[in-house]
Protein backbone atom coordinates (compact mmCIF):
# COMPACT_ATOMS: atom_id res chain seq x y z
CA MET A 1 74.93 131.53 188.13
CA HIS A 2 72.29 128.89 187.55
CA ASP A 3 72.76 125.65 189.54
CA LEU A 4 73.74 123.67 186.48
CA ALA A 5 74.65 120.47 188.33
CA GLU A 6 71.29 120.23 190.10
CA THR A 7 69.37 121.02 186.92
CA ILE A 8 71.12 118.28 184.97
CA GLU A 9 70.76 115.75 187.78
CA ASN A 10 67.00 116.41 188.01
CA PHE A 11 66.60 116.24 184.24
CA LEU A 12 68.43 112.92 183.89
CA SER A 13 66.56 111.38 186.81
CA THR A 14 63.25 111.59 184.93
CA ALA A 15 64.03 111.73 181.20
CA LYS A 16 63.52 108.46 179.32
CA LYS A 17 65.23 109.59 176.10
CA PRO A 18 67.38 112.52 177.25
CA LEU A 19 69.13 114.91 174.89
CA ILE A 20 71.26 117.74 176.25
CA VAL A 21 71.74 120.65 173.85
CA ILE A 22 74.63 123.07 174.32
CA LEU A 23 74.28 126.17 172.18
CA GLY A 24 75.34 129.77 171.86
CA PRO A 25 77.03 132.16 169.47
CA THR A 26 80.37 131.46 167.86
CA ALA A 27 83.36 131.71 170.24
CA ALA A 28 81.12 131.35 173.31
CA GLY A 29 82.91 128.31 174.77
CA LYS A 30 80.49 125.54 173.77
CA THR A 31 83.20 123.03 172.95
CA ALA A 32 84.95 123.26 176.32
CA LEU A 33 81.70 122.93 178.29
CA SER A 34 80.45 120.02 176.19
CA ILE A 35 83.63 118.02 176.73
CA GLN A 36 83.58 118.61 180.48
CA LEU A 37 79.92 117.57 180.72
CA ALA A 38 80.37 114.55 178.47
CA LYS A 39 83.28 113.38 180.62
CA ALA A 40 81.25 113.81 183.81
CA LEU A 41 78.11 112.13 182.48
CA ASN A 42 79.44 109.35 180.22
CA GLY A 43 78.30 111.16 177.12
CA GLU A 44 79.06 111.50 173.44
CA ILE A 45 78.92 114.66 171.34
CA VAL A 46 76.91 115.19 168.16
CA SER A 47 77.93 118.31 166.26
CA ALA A 48 75.24 120.79 165.21
CA ASP A 49 77.51 122.88 163.02
CA SER A 50 76.66 123.27 159.33
CA ARG A 51 80.31 123.76 158.35
CA GLN A 52 82.15 121.22 160.50
CA ILE A 53 80.54 118.48 158.40
CA TYR A 54 83.07 119.23 155.62
CA ARG A 55 86.40 117.43 155.41
CA GLY A 56 89.41 119.69 155.02
CA MET A 57 87.64 122.76 156.37
CA ASP A 58 89.23 122.74 159.79
CA ILE A 59 90.61 126.10 160.83
CA ALA A 60 87.86 128.57 159.90
CA THR A 61 85.20 126.21 161.30
CA ASP A 62 87.21 125.93 164.53
CA LYS A 63 86.93 122.16 164.35
CA ILE A 64 88.19 120.44 167.49
CA ALA A 65 91.32 118.37 166.87
CA GLN A 66 91.35 114.67 167.68
CA ASN A 67 93.94 115.11 170.43
CA ALA A 68 91.79 117.75 172.14
CA ARG A 69 88.66 115.60 172.41
CA GLU A 70 89.84 113.96 175.64
CA GLY A 71 88.58 110.55 174.58
CA ILE A 72 85.00 111.75 174.03
CA PRO A 73 83.49 110.46 170.77
CA HIS A 74 82.46 113.28 168.42
CA HIS A 75 79.97 112.66 165.63
CA LEU A 76 78.89 114.47 162.42
CA ILE A 77 82.31 116.07 161.94
CA ASP A 78 84.20 115.40 158.68
CA ILE A 79 81.39 113.36 157.12
CA ILE A 80 81.35 114.75 153.54
CA ASP A 81 83.63 116.52 151.07
CA PRO A 82 83.00 120.21 150.32
CA ASP A 83 81.63 119.43 146.86
CA GLU A 84 79.04 116.89 148.03
CA PRO A 85 75.39 117.96 148.35
CA PHE A 86 74.02 117.87 151.88
CA THR A 87 70.54 118.95 152.96
CA LEU A 88 68.83 119.68 156.25
CA SER A 89 66.98 116.41 155.78
CA ASP A 90 70.32 114.58 155.46
CA TYR A 91 71.55 116.14 158.67
CA LYS A 92 68.38 115.32 160.61
CA LYS A 93 68.41 111.66 159.56
CA ILE A 94 72.07 111.12 160.44
CA ALA A 95 71.84 113.06 163.70
CA GLU A 96 68.78 111.14 164.90
CA LYS A 97 70.35 107.80 164.00
CA THR A 98 73.49 108.78 165.92
CA ILE A 99 71.57 110.03 168.96
CA ASP A 100 69.51 106.83 169.06
CA GLU A 101 72.68 104.71 168.93
CA ILE A 102 74.22 106.69 171.81
CA LEU A 103 71.07 106.19 173.90
CA GLU A 104 71.03 102.46 173.11
CA LYS A 105 74.54 102.22 174.62
CA GLY A 106 73.22 103.75 177.83
CA LYS A 107 75.16 106.96 177.29
CA ILE A 108 74.06 110.61 177.20
CA PRO A 109 73.89 112.38 173.81
CA PHE A 110 74.99 116.03 173.66
CA LEU A 111 73.89 118.06 170.64
CA VAL A 112 76.44 120.87 170.45
CA GLY A 113 76.75 123.80 168.07
CA GLY A 114 75.60 127.14 166.84
CA THR A 115 73.51 126.24 163.79
CA GLY A 116 70.04 126.91 165.12
CA LEU A 117 68.28 125.32 162.16
CA TYR A 118 70.12 122.03 162.69
CA ILE A 119 69.30 122.04 166.40
CA ASN A 120 65.62 122.81 165.85
CA ALA A 121 65.28 120.20 163.11
CA VAL A 122 66.21 117.52 165.65
CA THR A 123 64.67 118.83 168.85
CA GLU A 124 61.40 119.94 167.23
CA ASN A 125 61.28 116.98 164.82
CA PHE A 126 60.85 118.99 161.64
CA GLN A 127 58.79 117.21 159.02
CA ILE A 128 60.95 118.06 156.02
CA PRO A 129 59.40 117.72 152.54
CA GLU A 130 60.82 114.77 150.67
CA GLY A 131 62.06 115.07 147.15
CA ALA A 132 65.33 114.27 145.47
CA PRO A 133 67.50 117.30 144.68
CA ASP A 134 67.02 118.50 141.11
CA LYS A 135 70.61 118.95 139.94
CA ASN A 136 69.74 120.80 136.72
CA PHE A 137 67.39 123.16 138.53
CA ARG A 138 70.02 123.91 141.16
CA GLN A 139 72.72 124.56 138.56
CA LYS A 140 70.40 127.00 136.81
CA LEU A 141 69.83 128.91 140.06
CA GLU A 142 73.54 128.87 140.91
CA LYS A 143 74.36 130.39 137.50
CA GLU A 144 71.72 133.03 138.11
CA ALA A 145 73.29 133.83 141.49
CA LYS A 146 76.69 134.24 139.82
CA SER A 147 75.34 136.60 137.19
CA SER A 148 73.41 138.69 139.71
CA SER A 149 73.80 137.87 143.41
CA PRO A 150 72.51 135.52 146.13
CA LYS A 151 70.36 138.43 147.34
CA ALA A 152 68.53 138.45 144.01
CA LEU A 153 67.52 134.81 144.50
CA HIS A 154 66.50 135.58 148.06
CA ALA A 155 64.29 138.40 146.74
CA MET A 156 62.70 135.91 144.34
CA LEU A 157 61.99 133.57 147.24
CA ALA A 158 60.54 136.43 149.28
CA LYS A 159 57.96 137.05 146.55
CA ILE A 160 56.70 133.48 146.34
CA ASP A 161 57.26 132.30 149.94
CA PRO A 162 57.84 135.26 152.29
CA SER A 163 57.50 133.14 155.42
CA THR A 164 60.41 130.87 154.47
CA ALA A 165 62.46 133.79 153.14
CA SER A 166 62.21 135.53 156.51
CA ARG A 167 63.98 132.58 158.15
CA ILE A 168 66.86 132.43 155.65
CA HIS A 169 69.68 134.97 155.57
CA PRO A 170 69.98 136.68 152.14
CA LYS A 171 73.59 135.48 151.80
CA ASN A 172 72.76 131.83 152.54
CA LEU A 173 72.68 130.67 148.93
CA MET A 174 72.41 126.95 149.73
CA TYR A 175 69.24 127.28 151.83
CA THR A 176 67.74 129.83 149.43
CA ILE A 177 68.22 127.53 146.44
CA ARG A 178 66.73 124.56 148.30
CA ALA A 179 63.67 126.60 149.30
CA LEU A 180 63.21 127.79 145.71
CA GLU A 181 63.61 124.23 144.48
CA ILE A 182 60.86 123.01 146.80
CA ASN A 183 58.58 125.88 145.83
CA LEU A 184 59.16 125.91 142.08
CA SER A 185 60.35 122.44 141.18
CA LEU A 186 58.40 120.36 143.71
CA GLY A 187 55.43 122.71 143.79
CA LYS A 188 55.00 123.18 147.53
CA LYS A 189 56.08 125.58 150.20
CA LYS A 190 59.00 124.74 152.46
CA GLU A 191 56.99 124.65 155.65
CA ARG A 192 58.46 124.04 159.07
CA LYS A 193 55.94 121.47 160.27
CA LYS A 194 56.83 119.85 163.56
CA GLY A 195 56.20 116.27 164.58
CA PRO A 196 55.96 114.74 168.06
CA ALA A 197 59.20 115.27 169.98
CA LYS A 198 61.48 112.24 169.82
CA TYR A 199 63.61 113.26 172.80
CA GLU A 200 63.26 115.00 176.13
CA THR A 201 65.53 117.99 175.71
CA LEU A 202 67.49 120.16 178.12
CA TYR A 203 68.77 123.35 176.49
CA ILE A 204 71.91 124.96 177.94
CA GLY A 205 73.11 128.22 176.40
CA ILE A 206 76.28 130.24 176.93
CA ARG A 207 76.17 133.99 176.49
CA TRP A 208 78.53 136.90 177.00
CA PRO A 209 78.08 140.66 176.91
CA LYS A 210 78.23 141.81 173.28
CA GLU A 211 81.58 143.57 173.74
CA ASP A 212 83.14 140.39 175.12
CA VAL A 213 81.82 138.29 172.23
CA TRP A 214 83.34 140.82 169.80
CA LYS A 215 86.74 140.54 171.55
CA ARG A 216 86.60 136.73 171.61
CA ILE A 217 85.78 136.64 167.90
CA GLU A 218 88.66 139.00 167.10
CA ALA A 219 91.05 136.84 169.14
CA ARG A 220 89.79 133.67 167.47
CA VAL A 221 90.25 135.08 163.97
CA ALA A 222 93.80 136.19 164.84
CA GLU A 223 94.53 132.67 166.09
CA GLN A 224 93.07 131.11 162.94
CA ILE A 225 95.29 133.27 160.76
CA GLN A 226 98.31 132.27 162.81
CA ARG A 227 97.39 128.60 162.49
CA GLY A 228 97.45 128.82 158.70
CA LEU A 229 93.96 129.70 157.51
CA LEU A 230 95.30 131.29 154.31
CA ALA A 231 97.24 128.15 153.37
CA GLU A 232 94.20 125.99 154.12
CA THR A 233 92.07 128.21 151.86
CA GLU A 234 94.62 127.95 149.04
CA LYS A 235 94.61 124.16 149.38
CA LEU A 236 90.81 124.07 149.20
CA MET A 237 90.81 126.31 146.11
CA GLU A 238 93.13 123.88 144.36
CA LYS A 239 90.61 121.06 144.83
CA TYR A 240 87.18 122.71 144.78
CA ASP A 241 85.16 125.31 142.89
CA PRO A 242 85.14 128.54 144.95
CA ALA A 243 81.48 128.98 143.96
CA LEU A 244 80.40 125.92 145.97
CA PRO A 245 78.07 126.68 148.92
CA SER A 246 80.63 125.18 151.31
CA MET A 247 83.30 127.62 150.10
CA SER A 248 81.11 130.54 151.12
CA SER A 249 81.81 129.74 154.78
CA LEU A 250 83.09 132.51 157.02
CA GLY A 251 86.84 132.84 156.74
CA TYR A 252 87.16 131.05 153.42
CA ARG A 253 84.88 133.39 151.47
CA GLN A 254 86.83 136.50 152.43
CA LEU A 255 90.25 134.94 151.80
CA ILE A 256 89.07 133.64 148.43
CA GLN A 257 88.24 137.25 147.55
CA PHE A 258 91.80 138.21 148.51
CA LEU A 259 93.37 135.33 146.56
CA ASN A 260 91.30 136.31 143.52
CA GLY A 261 92.68 139.85 143.75
CA GLU A 262 89.32 141.37 144.63
CA ILE A 263 90.30 142.89 148.00
CA PRO A 264 93.55 143.53 149.94
CA TYR A 265 94.67 141.02 152.57
CA LYS A 266 94.06 143.42 155.48
CA GLU A 267 90.52 144.06 154.30
CA ALA A 268 89.87 140.32 154.02
CA ILE A 269 90.82 139.85 157.68
CA GLU A 270 88.70 142.80 158.73
CA ARG A 271 85.74 141.37 156.82
CA ILE A 272 86.12 138.00 158.55
CA VAL A 273 85.91 139.70 161.95
CA ILE A 274 82.98 141.96 160.99
CA GLU A 275 80.94 139.25 159.27
CA THR A 276 81.60 136.77 162.09
CA ARG A 277 80.26 139.34 164.55
CA GLN A 278 77.18 139.77 162.36
CA TYR A 279 76.73 136.00 162.31
CA ALA A 280 77.00 135.81 166.12
CA LYS A 281 74.30 138.47 166.36
CA ARG A 282 72.00 136.44 164.08
CA GLN A 283 72.67 133.34 166.16
CA MET A 284 71.57 135.08 169.35
CA THR A 285 68.47 136.46 167.63
CA TRP A 286 67.55 132.90 166.64
CA PHE A 287 68.20 131.43 170.10
CA LYS A 288 66.24 134.16 171.91
CA LYS A 289 63.09 132.73 170.36
CA ASN A 290 63.43 129.64 172.58
CA PRO A 291 62.17 130.33 176.12
CA ASP A 292 63.36 126.93 177.38
CA ILE A 293 67.07 127.71 177.16
CA ILE A 294 68.90 127.91 180.49
CA TRP A 295 71.44 130.67 179.94
CA LEU A 296 74.83 130.56 181.64
CA ASP A 297 77.13 133.54 181.98
CA GLY A 298 80.23 132.83 179.89
CA TYR A 299 82.67 134.63 182.16
CA THR A 300 81.48 132.93 185.35
CA LEU A 301 81.38 129.57 183.60
CA SER A 302 84.95 129.91 182.32
CA LYS A 303 86.25 130.74 185.82
CA ASN A 304 84.26 128.23 187.87
CA HIS A 305 83.30 125.43 185.51
CA GLU A 306 84.65 122.61 187.71
CA ASN A 307 82.42 123.64 190.63
CA LEU A 308 79.37 123.85 188.39
CA LEU A 309 79.56 120.40 186.83
CA PRO A 310 77.58 117.36 187.99
CA LYS A 311 79.45 114.63 189.82
CA THR A 312 80.81 111.92 187.56
CA HIS A 313 78.27 109.19 186.86
């Protein structure tokens, strides 16, 4: 096991604007580690999860409850309703403002989550093309996706901007539509230009053997069902259009299919598990591109975390 305490101590002793990133696939144990580190280092947590931003979407996103935060401030959770538009640019602006405010208080910011694009946007200072969302253009593309499929729009993007299409999953309708909007409506490619780094970043990743991740995901889904995920999905369907990008989130999408009579309940649960595993695999593929991540073994970390943490500052 990497000497985590020594690494963090050395990093904080020299960094002028430190940012500690805790990342890994879903169900890896990021939340538990981030709280322990934030407690030890007088820190605050900034979520890097593209679904925990939505109010009312608590169970499937595995959002940490207020009473489980152990007094550690958590930011960028429950900031918009599921029917409100929210772009990568929006996230970057709010995250950077929050991180800067944490640093100004003399505290340590922790960027925690599994959405690699959100993490990279902040740590690599993406220069995101400006341009107000074109509501009519987006509605046109959303109707097209309904009549055909999100994959058809992704194929369209692949023809005009293959580089961007390669970074977006075919089922991610929200990102696909935004990329098409920038290409077709704004007339420029959605390039990932990077600016000078705003923060000195320490990346800490948690990983498990694939079989263990699969088991942890299966256990988490079973727990979410027990906690009332179906009832939460029904409540969301009463308030919001199931075609919204937010409603395509893992857990909700499959149960919406069941509630609409498209698939049996058992199949919906099986799909949640299978598609969550596929998502975890994509997360790890994304993170493996970053050679600066210090990887911790999930099993060892879960058994010996107290001995691995820095002394309280």
